[in-house]
Amino acid sequence: MIMRADVKCYYCGFVSGQVEGDPECAHPRLSLRLRAGASHFTRASRQIRCVRCGGPVFLDEIETIRHVHDVNQPAFAGR
């Protein structure tokens, strides 16, 4: 199961990007996608900050993504 959330600023409300990962893994890896026009995240004391104003951010609109696997069904052979 994958979780996805917007990285949103407390001060200005700007959405700097999205973070995505599997929280159930023993050592979860997060994927960070920047919004178009955002060139980098400001890092202060190992924290992600807003790219517009440098303010603190939080995860907003968290959603669970379930991957649907395609099932190949054999072609109907009988008539």
C-alpha atoms as a PDB file:
ATOM      1  CA  MET A   1       0.000   0.000   0.000  1.00  0.00           C
ATOM      2  CA  ILE A   2       1.340   3.430  -0.952  1.00  0.00           C
ATOM      3  CA  MET A   3       0.541   6.716   0.778  1.00  0.00           C
ATOM      4  CA  ARG A   4       0.648  10.060  -1.064  1.00  0.00           C
ATOM      5  CA  ALA A   5       0.316  13.559   0.415  1.00  0.00           C
ATOM      6  CA  ASP A   6       0.777  17.203  -0.551  1.00  0.00           C
ATOM      7  CA  VAL A   7       3.585  19.159   1.132  1.00  0.00           C
ATOM      8  CA  LYS A   8       1.774  22.361   2.161  1.00  0.00           C
ATOM      9  CA  CYS A   9       3.033  25.485   3.955  1.00  0.00           C
ATOM     10  CA  TYR A  10       1.550  26.585   7.287  1.00  0.00           C
ATOM     11  CA  TYR A  11       2.303  30.258   6.560  1.00  0.00           C
ATOM     12  CA  CYS A  12       1.385  30.912   2.918  1.00  0.00           C
ATOM     13  CA  GLY A  13      -0.564  27.745   1.960  1.00  0.00           C
ATOM     14  CA  PHE A  14       1.678  27.038  -1.058  1.00  0.00           C
ATOM     15  CA  VAL A  15       1.901  23.375  -2.118  1.00  0.00           C
ATOM     16  CA  SER A  16       5.591  22.777  -2.807  1.00  0.00           C
ATOM     17  CA  GLY A  17       5.157  19.209  -4.032  1.00  0.00           C
ATOM     18  CA  GLN A  18       4.072  15.702  -3.105  1.00  0.00           C
ATOM     19  CA  VAL A  19       5.651  12.997  -1.023  1.00  0.00           C
ATOM     20  CA  GLU A  20       4.935   9.322  -1.676  1.00  0.00           C
ATOM     21  CA  GLY A  21       6.014   6.112   0.022  1.00  0.00           C
ATOM     22  CA  ASP A  22       5.088   2.890   1.773  1.00  0.00           C
ATOM     23  CA  PRO A  23       4.834   3.469   5.539  1.00  0.00           C
ATOM     24  CA  GLU A  24       4.591  -0.264   6.249  1.00  0.00           C
ATOM     25  CA  CYS A  25       8.164  -0.991   5.118  1.00  0.00           C
ATOM     26  CA  ALA A  26      10.821  -1.586   7.762  1.00  0.00           C
ATOM     27  CA  HIS A  27      12.964   1.161   6.184  1.00  0.00           C
ATOM     28  CA  PRO A  28      10.507   3.322   4.245  1.00  0.00           C
ATOM     29  CA  ARG A  29      11.807   5.385   1.354  1.00  0.00           C
ATOM     30  CA  LEU A  30       9.929   8.496   0.428  1.00  0.00           C
ATOM     31  CA  SER A  31       9.724   9.831  -3.090  1.00  0.00           C
ATOM     32  CA  LEU A  32       9.515  13.599  -3.341  1.00  0.00           C
ATOM     33  CA  ARG A  33       8.052  15.255  -6.439  1.00  0.00           C
ATOM     34  CA  LEU A  34       8.423  18.994  -6.754  1.00  0.00           C
ATOM     35  CA  ARG A  35       5.694  21.176  -8.160  1.00  0.00           C
ATOM     36  CA  ALA A  36       6.373  22.745 -11.560  1.00  0.00           C
ATOM     37  CA  GLY A  37       8.395  25.913 -11.048  1.00  0.00           C
ATOM     38  CA  ALA A  38       9.861  24.807  -7.699  1.00  0.00           C
ATOM     39  CA  SER A  39      13.577  24.285  -8.150  1.00  0.00           C
ATOM     40  CA  HIS A  40      14.503  22.989  -4.688  1.00  0.00           C
ATOM     41  CA  PHE A  41      13.459  22.556  -1.095  1.00  0.00           C
ATOM     42  CA  THR A  42      15.095  24.683   1.559  1.00  0.00           C
ATOM     43  CA  ARG A  43      16.590  22.424   4.212  1.00  0.00           C
ATOM     44  CA  ALA A  44      17.098  23.782   7.701  1.00  0.00           C
ATOM     45  CA  SER A  45      18.166  21.334  10.400  1.00  0.00           C
ATOM     46  CA  ARG A  46      17.129  18.376   8.191  1.00  0.00           C
ATOM     47  CA  GLN A  47      13.548  19.604   7.792  1.00  0.00           C
ATOM     48  CA  ILE A  48      11.704  20.283   4.568  1.00  0.00           C
ATOM     49  CA  ARG A  49      10.610  23.927   4.280  1.00  0.00           C
ATOM     50  CA  CYS A  50       8.342  25.821   1.877  1.00  0.00           C
ATOM     51  CA  VAL A  51      10.031  26.757  -1.416  1.00  0.00           C
ATOM     52  CA  ARG A  52       8.106  30.031  -1.627  1.00  0.00           C
ATOM     53  CA  CYS A  53       8.510  31.590   1.851  1.00  0.00           C
ATOM     54  CA  GLY A  54      10.737  29.142   3.788  1.00  0.00           C
ATOM     55  CA  GLY A  55       7.975  28.436   6.309  1.00  0.00           C
ATOM     56  CA  PRO A  56       7.206  25.125   8.036  1.00  0.00           C
ATOM     57  CA  VAL A  57       5.235  22.535   6.077  1.00  0.00           C
ATOM     58  CA  PHE A  58       2.783  19.752   6.830  1.00  0.00           C
ATOM     59  CA  LEU A  59       1.357  16.811   4.909  1.00  0.00           C
ATOM     60  CA  ASP A  60      -2.120  17.583   3.575  1.00  0.00           C
ATOM     61  CA  GLU A  61      -4.699  15.552   1.650  1.00  0.00           C
ATOM     62  CA  ILE A  62      -3.164  12.189   2.504  1.00  0.00           C
ATOM     63  CA  GLU A  63      -4.455   9.407   0.279  1.00  0.00           C
ATOM     64  CA  THR A  64      -3.943   5.666   0.061  1.00  0.00           C
ATOM     65  CA  ILE A  65      -3.070   4.250  -3.337  1.00  0.00           C
ATOM     66  CA  ARG A  66      -3.716   0.610  -4.080  1.00  0.00           C
ATOM     67  CA  HIS A  67      -2.063  -0.872  -7.113  1.00  0.00           C
ATOM     68  CA  VAL A  68      -4.357  -2.965  -9.275  1.00  0.00           C
ATOM     69  CA  HIS A  69      -2.633  -5.904 -10.903  1.00  0.00           C
ATOM     70  CA  ASP A  70      -3.701  -6.934 -14.374  1.00  0.00           C
ATOM     71  CA  VAL A  71      -4.941 -10.476 -14.531  1.00  0.00           C
ATOM     72  CA  ASN A  72      -4.383 -12.190 -17.853  1.00  0.00           C
ATOM     73  CA  GLN A  73      -7.372 -14.380 -18.524  1.00  0.00           C
ATOM     74  CA  PRO A  74      -7.047 -17.154 -21.052  1.00  0.00           C
ATOM     75  CA  ALA A  75      -8.998 -16.673 -24.253  1.00  0.00           C
ATOM     76  CA  PHE A  76     -12.313 -18.491 -24.462  1.00  0.00           C
ATOM     77  CA  ALA A  77     -11.495 -21.731 -26.312  1.00  0.00           C
ATOM     78  CA  GLY A  78     -14.874 -23.499 -26.357  1.00  0.00           C
ATOM     79  CA  ARG A  79     -17.787 -22.764 -28.651  1.00  0.00           C
END
